[in-house]
PDB file of all heavy atoms in Angstrom:
ATOM      1  N   PRO A   1       0.826  -1.198  -0.022  1.00  0.00           N
ATOM      2  CA  PRO A   1      -0.067   0.095  -0.025  1.00  0.00           C
ATOM      3  C   PRO A   1       0.884   1.290  -0.009  1.00  0.00           C
ATOM      4  O   PRO A   1       1.984   1.220   0.466  1.00  0.00           O
ATOM      5  CB  PRO A   1      -0.800  -0.089   1.242  1.00  0.00           C
ATOM      6  CG  PRO A   1      -0.670  -1.527   1.750  1.00  0.00           C
ATOM      7  CD  PRO A   1       0.624  -2.053   1.182  1.00  0.00           C
ATOM      8  N   SER A   2       0.352   2.366  -0.553  1.00  0.00           N
ATOM      9  CA  SER A   2       0.997   3.563  -0.474  1.00  0.00           C
ATOM     10  C   SER A   2       1.029   4.079   1.025  1.00  0.00           C
ATOM     11  O   SER A   2       0.344   3.564   1.818  1.00  0.00           O
ATOM     12  CB  SER A   2       0.190   4.761  -1.137  1.00  0.00           C
ATOM     13  OG  SER A   2       0.102   4.322  -2.578  1.00  0.00           O
ATOM     14  N   HIS A   3       1.936   4.985   1.303  1.00  0.00           N
ATOM     15  CA  HIS A   3       2.036   5.496   2.725  1.00  0.00           C
ATOM     16  C   HIS A   3       0.695   6.182   3.046  1.00  0.00           C
ATOM     17  O   HIS A   3       0.142   6.820   2.183  1.00  0.00           O
ATOM     18  CB  HIS A   3       3.201   6.583   2.794  1.00  0.00           C
ATOM     19  CG  HIS A   3       4.457   5.970   2.770  1.00  0.00           C
ATOM     20  ND1 HIS A   3       4.981   4.932   3.648  1.00  0.00           N
ATOM     21  CD2 HIS A   3       5.546   6.010   1.786  1.00  0.00           C
ATOM     22  CE1 HIS A   3       6.279   4.554   3.367  1.00  0.00           C
ATOM     23  NE2 HIS A   3       6.645   5.179   2.166  1.00  0.00           N
ATOM     24  N   ARG A   4       0.318   5.938   4.291  1.00  0.00           N
ATOM     25  CA  ARG A   4      -0.981   6.580   4.773  1.00  0.00           C
ATOM     26  C   ARG A   4      -0.963   8.016   4.595  1.00  0.00           C
ATOM     27  O   ARG A   4       0.134   8.631   4.936  1.00  0.00           O
ATOM     28  CB  ARG A   4      -1.162   6.141   6.174  1.00  0.00           C
ATOM     29  CG  ARG A   4      -1.680   4.684   6.449  1.00  0.00           C
ATOM     30  CD  ARG A   4      -3.198   4.573   6.586  1.00  0.00           C
ATOM     31  NE  ARG A   4      -3.645   5.335   7.661  1.00  0.00           N
ATOM     32  CZ  ARG A   4      -3.575   5.002   8.927  1.00  0.00           C
ATOM     33  NH1 ARG A   4      -2.881   3.975   9.302  1.00  0.00           N
ATOM     34  NH2 ARG A   4      -4.138   5.663   9.920  1.00  0.00           N
ATOM     35  N   LYS A   5      -2.021   8.615   4.245  1.00  0.00           N
ATOM     36  CA  LYS A   5      -2.233   9.934   4.141  1.00  0.00           C
ATOM     37  C   LYS A   5      -2.075  10.591   5.560  1.00  0.00           C
ATOM     38  O   LYS A   5      -2.683  10.034   6.473  1.00  0.00           O
ATOM     39  CB  LYS A   5      -3.594  10.430   3.600  1.00  0.00           C
ATOM     40  CG  LYS A   5      -3.977  11.834   3.773  1.00  0.00           C
ATOM     41  CD  LYS A   5      -3.269  12.766   2.910  1.00  0.00           C
ATOM     42  CE  LYS A   5      -3.741  14.260   3.346  1.00  0.00           C
ATOM     43  NZ  LYS A   5      -5.149  14.536   2.982  1.00  0.00           N
ATOM     44  N   ALA A   6      -1.291  11.620   5.648  1.00  0.00           N
ATOM     45  CA  ALA A   6      -1.178  12.239   7.025  1.00  0.00           C
ATOM     46  C   ALA A   6      -2.384  12.888   7.464  1.00  0.00           C
ATOM     47  O   ALA A   6      -2.890  13.807   6.740  1.00  0.00           O
ATOM     48  CB  ALA A   6       0.015  13.173   7.058  1.00  0.00           C
ATOM     49  N   THR A   7      -2.933  12.429   8.559  1.00  0.00           N
ATOM     50  CA  THR A   7      -4.151  13.113   9.145  1.00  0.00           C
ATOM     51  C   THR A   7      -3.991  13.361  10.611  1.00  0.00           C
ATOM     52  O   THR A   7      -3.019  12.899  11.241  1.00  0.00           O
ATOM     53  CB  THR A   7      -5.358  12.089   9.006  1.00  0.00           C
ATOM     54  OG1 THR A   7      -5.058  10.895   9.673  1.00  0.00           O
ATOM     55  CG2 THR A   7      -5.690  11.867   7.465  1.00  0.00           C
ATOM     56  N   ARG A   8      -4.820  14.221  11.222  1.00  0.00           N
ATOM     57  CA  ARG A   8      -4.786  14.515  12.584  1.00  0.00           C
ATOM     58  C   ARG A   8      -5.252  13.319  13.439  1.00  0.00           C
ATOM     59  O   ARG A   8      -6.164  12.670  13.107  1.00  0.00           O
ATOM     60  CB  ARG A   8      -5.628  15.760  12.884  1.00  0.00           C
ATOM     61  CG  ARG A   8      -5.109  17.021  12.106  1.00  0.00           C
ATOM     62  CD  ARG A   8      -6.094  18.185  12.301  1.00  0.00           C
ATOM     63  NE  ARG A   8      -5.504  19.373  11.738  1.00  0.00           N
ATOM     64  CZ  ARG A   8      -4.712  20.266  12.076  1.00  0.00           C
ATOM     65  NH1 ARG A   8      -4.353  20.241  13.470  1.00  0.00           N
ATOM     66  NH2 ARG A   8      -4.351  21.311  11.398  1.00  0.00           N
ATOM     67  N   GLN A   9      -4.478  13.045  14.452  1.00  0.00           N
ATOM     68  CA  GLN A   9      -4.847  11.960  15.348  1.00  0.00           C
ATOM     69  C   GLN A   9      -5.778  12.313  16.387  1.00  0.00           C
ATOM     70  O   GLN A   9      -5.834  13.392  17.053  1.00  0.00           O
ATOM     71  CB  GLN A   9      -3.563  11.420  16.114  1.00  0.00           C
ATOM     72  CG  GLN A   9      -3.718  10.115  16.682  1.00  0.00           C
ATOM     73  CD  GLN A   9      -2.395   9.399  17.093  1.00  0.00           C
ATOM     74  OE1 GLN A   9      -2.016   9.477  18.234  1.00  0.00           O
ATOM     75  NE2 GLN A   9      -1.899   8.686  16.116  1.00  0.00           N
ATOM     76  N   VAL A  10      -6.807  11.487  16.551  1.00  0.00           N
ATOM     77  CA  VAL A  10      -7.966  11.700  17.443  1.00  0.00           C
ATOM     78  C   VAL A  10      -8.004  10.507  18.486  1.00  0.00           C
ATOM     79  O   VAL A  10      -7.889   9.363  18.083  1.00  0.00           O
ATOM     80  CB  VAL A  10      -9.302  11.687  16.685  1.00  0.00           C
ATOM     81  CG1 VAL A  10     -10.485  11.943  17.506  1.00  0.00           C
ATOM     82  CG2 VAL A  10      -9.298  12.676  15.446  1.00  0.00           C
ATOM     83  N   ALA A  11      -8.113  10.916  19.767  1.00  0.00           N
ATOM     84  CA  ALA A  11      -8.176   9.952  20.775  1.00  0.00           C
ATOM     85  C   ALA A  11      -9.710   9.691  21.051  1.00  0.00           C
ATOM     86  O   ALA A  11     -10.444  10.641  21.355  1.00  0.00           O
ATOM     87  CB  ALA A  11      -7.545  10.501  22.094  1.00  0.00           C
ATOM     88  N   ILE A  12     -10.175   8.422  20.922  1.00  0.00           N
ATOM     89  CA  ILE A  12     -11.487   8.008  21.266  1.00  0.00           C
ATOM     90  C   ILE A  12     -11.438   7.048  22.279  1.00  0.00           C
ATOM     91  O   ILE A  12     -11.106   5.829  22.223  1.00  0.00           O
ATOM     92  CB  ILE A  12     -12.132   7.404  19.908  1.00  0.00           C
ATOM     93  CG1 ILE A  12     -12.104   8.392  18.791  1.00  0.00           C
ATOM     94  CG2 ILE A  12     -13.565   7.020  20.206  1.00  0.00           C
ATOM     95  CD1 ILE A  12     -12.536   7.847  17.427  1.00  0.00           C
ATOM     96  N   GLY A  13     -11.728   7.585  23.613  1.00  0.00           N
ATOM     97  CA  GLY A  13     -11.534   6.696  24.664  1.00  0.00           C
ATOM     98  C   GLY A  13     -10.044   6.383  24.801  1.00  0.00           C
ATOM     99  O   GLY A  13      -9.217   7.220  24.710  1.00  0.00           O
ATOM    100  N   GLY A  14      -9.662   5.183  24.902  1.00  0.00           N
ATOM    101  CA  GLY A  14      -8.234   4.725  24.804  1.00  0.00           C
ATOM    102  C   GLY A  14      -7.697   4.428  23.491  1.00  0.00           C
ATOM    103  O   GLY A  14      -6.642   3.840  23.420  1.00  0.00           O
ATOM    104  N   VAL A  15      -8.433   4.616  22.436  1.00  0.00           N
ATOM    105  CA  VAL A  15      -8.155   4.226  21.068  1.00  0.00           C
ATOM    106  C   VAL A  15      -7.768   5.393  20.251  1.00  0.00           C
ATOM    107  O   VAL A  15      -8.359   6.443  20.219  1.00  0.00           O
ATOM    108  CB  VAL A  15      -9.260   3.433  20.340  1.00  0.00           C
ATOM    109  CG1 VAL A  15      -8.917   3.080  18.866  1.00  0.00           C
ATOM    110  CG2 VAL A  15      -9.681   2.123  21.142  1.00  0.00           C
ATOM    111  N   GLN A  16      -6.487   5.316  19.627  1.00  0.00           N
ATOM    112  CA  GLN A  16      -6.031   6.381  18.748  1.00  0.00           C
ATOM    113  C   GLN A  16      -6.412   6.160  17.310  1.00  0.00           C
ATOM    114  O   GLN A  16      -6.325   4.972  16.735  1.00  0.00           O
ATOM    115  CB  GLN A  16      -4.508   6.510  18.890  1.00  0.00           C
ATOM    116  CG  GLN A  16      -3.915   6.885  20.200  1.00  0.00           C
ATOM    117  CD  GLN A  16      -4.435   8.147  20.783  1.00  0.00           C
ATOM    118  OE1 GLN A  16      -4.449   9.157  20.079  1.00  0.00           O
ATOM    119  NE2 GLN A  16      -4.842   8.257  21.995  1.00  0.00           N
ATOM    120  N   VAL A  17      -6.980   7.130  16.646  1.00  0.00           N
ATOM    121  CA  VAL A  17      -7.410   7.074  15.320  1.00  0.00           C
ATOM    122  C   VAL A  17      -6.766   8.174  14.455  1.00  0.00           C
ATOM    123  O   VAL A  17      -6.769   9.249  14.826  1.00  0.00           O
ATOM    124  CB  VAL A  17      -8.964   7.260  15.092  1.00  0.00           C
ATOM    125  CG1 VAL A  17      -9.438   7.300  13.599  1.00  0.00           C
ATOM    126  CG2 VAL A  17      -9.607   6.021  15.745  1.00  0.00           C
ATOM    127  N   GLY A  18      -6.124   7.801  13.318  1.00  0.00           N
ATOM    128  CA  GLY A  18      -5.561   8.715  12.478  1.00  0.00           C
ATOM    129  C   GLY A  18      -4.050   8.876  12.792  1.00  0.00           C
ATOM    130  O   GLY A  18      -3.409   8.239  13.783  1.00  0.00           O
ATOM    131  N   GLY A  19      -3.314   9.798  12.198  1.00  0.00           N
ATOM    132  CA  GLY A  19      -1.997  10.046  12.432  1.00  0.00           C
ATOM    133  C   GLY A  19      -1.218   8.752  12.125  1.00  0.00           C
ATOM    134  O   GLY A  19      -1.362   8.209  10.930  1.00  0.00           O
ATOM    135  N   ASP A  20      -0.201   8.332  12.962  1.00  0.00           N
ATOM    136  CA  ASP A  20       0.508   7.107  12.703  1.00  0.00           C
ATOM    137  C   ASP A  20      -0.193   5.903  13.338  1.00  0.00           C
ATOM    138  O   ASP A  20       0.492   4.884  13.408  1.00  0.00           O
ATOM    139  CB  ASP A  20       1.953   7.337  13.244  1.00  0.00           C
ATOM    140  CG  ASP A  20       2.042   7.618  14.705  1.00  0.00           C
ATOM    141  OD1 ASP A  20       0.941   7.796  15.300  1.00  0.00           O
ATOM    142  OD2 ASP A  20       3.167   7.775  15.245  1.00  0.00           O
ATOM    143  N   ALA A  21      -1.289   6.071  13.974  1.00  0.00           N
ATOM    144  CA  ALA A  21      -2.067   4.837  14.488  1.00  0.00           C
ATOM    145  C   ALA A  21      -2.442   3.958  13.419  1.00  0.00           C
ATOM    146  O   ALA A  21      -2.796   4.251  12.288  1.00  0.00           O
ATOM    147  CB  ALA A  21      -3.197   5.368  15.290  1.00  0.00           C
ATOM    148  N   PRO A  22      -2.544   2.631  13.710  1.00  0.00           N
ATOM    149  CA  PRO A  22      -3.057   1.607  12.758  1.00  0.00           C
ATOM    150  C   PRO A  22      -4.509   1.845  12.351  1.00  0.00           C
ATOM    151  O   PRO A  22      -5.181   2.465  13.222  1.00  0.00           O
ATOM    152  CB  PRO A  22      -2.857   0.214  13.396  1.00  0.00           C
ATOM    153  CG  PRO A  22      -2.760   0.632  14.846  1.00  0.00           C
ATOM    154  CD  PRO A  22      -2.231   2.014  15.023  1.00  0.00           C
ATOM    155  N   VAL A  23      -4.938   1.409  11.283  1.00  0.00           N
ATOM    156  CA  VAL A  23      -6.348   1.425  10.890  1.00  0.00           C
ATOM    157  C   VAL A  23      -7.142   0.697  11.796  1.00  0.00           C
ATOM    158  O   VAL A  23      -6.886  -0.457  12.141  1.00  0.00           O
ATOM    159  CB  VAL A  23      -6.513   0.896   9.395  1.00  0.00           C
ATOM    160  CG1 VAL A  23      -8.113   1.039   9.118  1.00  0.00           C
ATOM    161  CG2 VAL A  23      -5.661   1.672   8.434  1.00  0.00           C
ATOM    162  N   VAL A  24      -8.189   1.248  12.388  1.00  0.00           N
ATOM    163  CA  VAL A  24      -8.993   0.810  13.462  1.00  0.00           C
ATOM    164  C   VAL A  24     -10.249   0.211  12.972  1.00  0.00           C
ATOM    165  O   VAL A  24     -10.982   0.728  12.059  1.00  0.00           O
ATOM    166  CB  VAL A  24      -9.317   2.006  14.511  1.00  0.00           C
ATOM    167  CG1 VAL A  24     -10.322   1.478  15.510  1.00  0.00           C
ATOM    168  CG2 VAL A  24      -8.101   2.349  15.174  1.00  0.00           C
ATOM    169  N   VAL A  25     -10.686  -0.922  13.581  1.00  0.00           N
ATOM    170  CA  VAL A  25     -11.875  -1.658  13.268  1.00  0.00           C
ATOM    171  C   VAL A  25     -13.104  -1.152  14.057  1.00  0.00           C
ATOM    172  O   VAL A  25     -12.859  -1.196  15.274  1.00  0.00           O
ATOM    173  CB  VAL A  25     -11.731  -3.164  13.223  1.00  0.00           C
ATOM    174  CG1 VAL A  25     -13.122  -3.824  13.129  1.00  0.00           C
ATOM    175  CG2 VAL A  25     -10.779  -3.528  12.218  1.00  0.00           C
ATOM    176  N   GLN A  26     -14.140  -0.746  13.490  1.00  0.00           N
ATOM    177  CA  GLN A  26     -15.289  -0.504  14.351  1.00  0.00           C
ATOM    178  C   GLN A  26     -16.584  -1.184  13.804  1.00  0.00           C
ATOM    179  O   GLN A  26     -16.551  -1.622  12.665  1.00  0.00           O
ATOM    180  CB  GLN A  26     -15.484   1.005  14.464  1.00  0.00           C
ATOM    181  CG  GLN A  26     -15.931   1.771  13.301  1.00  0.00           C
ATOM    182  CD  GLN A  26     -16.232   3.279  13.649  1.00  0.00           C
ATOM    183  OE1 GLN A  26     -17.349   3.599  14.047  1.00  0.00           O
ATOM    184  NE2 GLN A  26     -15.231   4.144  13.546  1.00  0.00           N
ATOM    185  N   SER A  27     -17.583  -1.255  14.667  1.00  0.00           N
ATOM    186  CA  SER A  27     -18.842  -1.937  14.353  1.00  0.00           C
ATOM    187  C   SER A  27     -19.991  -1.144  15.020  1.00  0.00           C
ATOM    188  O   SER A  27     -19.860  -0.114  15.672  1.00  0.00           O
ATOM    189  CB  SER A  27     -18.706  -3.381  14.794  1.00  0.00           C
ATOM    190  OG  SER A  27     -18.545  -3.341  16.248  1.00  0.00           O
ATOM    191  N   MET A  28     -21.201  -1.700  14.712  1.00  0.00           N
ATOM    192  CA  MET A  28     -22.381  -1.017  15.388  1.00  0.00           C
ATOM    193  C   MET A  28     -23.378  -2.143  15.800  1.00  0.00           C
ATOM    194  O   MET A  28     -23.528  -3.164  14.981  1.00  0.00           O
ATOM    195  CB  MET A  28     -23.065  -0.141  14.278  1.00  0.00           C
ATOM    196  CG  MET A  28     -24.253   0.723  14.905  1.00  0.00           C
ATOM    197  SD  MET A  28     -24.800   1.979  13.698  1.00  0.00           S
ATOM    198  CE  MET A  28     -26.038   2.703  14.736  1.00  0.00           C
ATOM    199  N   THR A  29     -24.063  -1.889  16.881  1.00  0.00           N
ATOM    200  CA  THR A  29     -25.153  -2.805  17.345  1.00  0.00           C
ATOM    201  C   THR A  29     -26.369  -2.728  16.601  1.00  0.00           C
ATOM    202  O   THR A  29     -26.610  -1.649  15.856  1.00  0.00           O
ATOM    203  CB  THR A  29     -25.433  -2.519  18.733  1.00  0.00           C
ATOM    204  OG1 THR A  29     -25.901  -1.210  18.930  1.00  0.00           O
ATOM    205  CG2 THR A  29     -24.232  -2.737  19.682  1.00  0.00           C
TER     206      THR A  29
END
């Protein structure tokens, strides 16, 4: 894959999203 596009990192609870964090899996009830 190409290098991830640089984005601002967001803290969601204890999970980091964006920036240099890995791609995060989410779901919905």
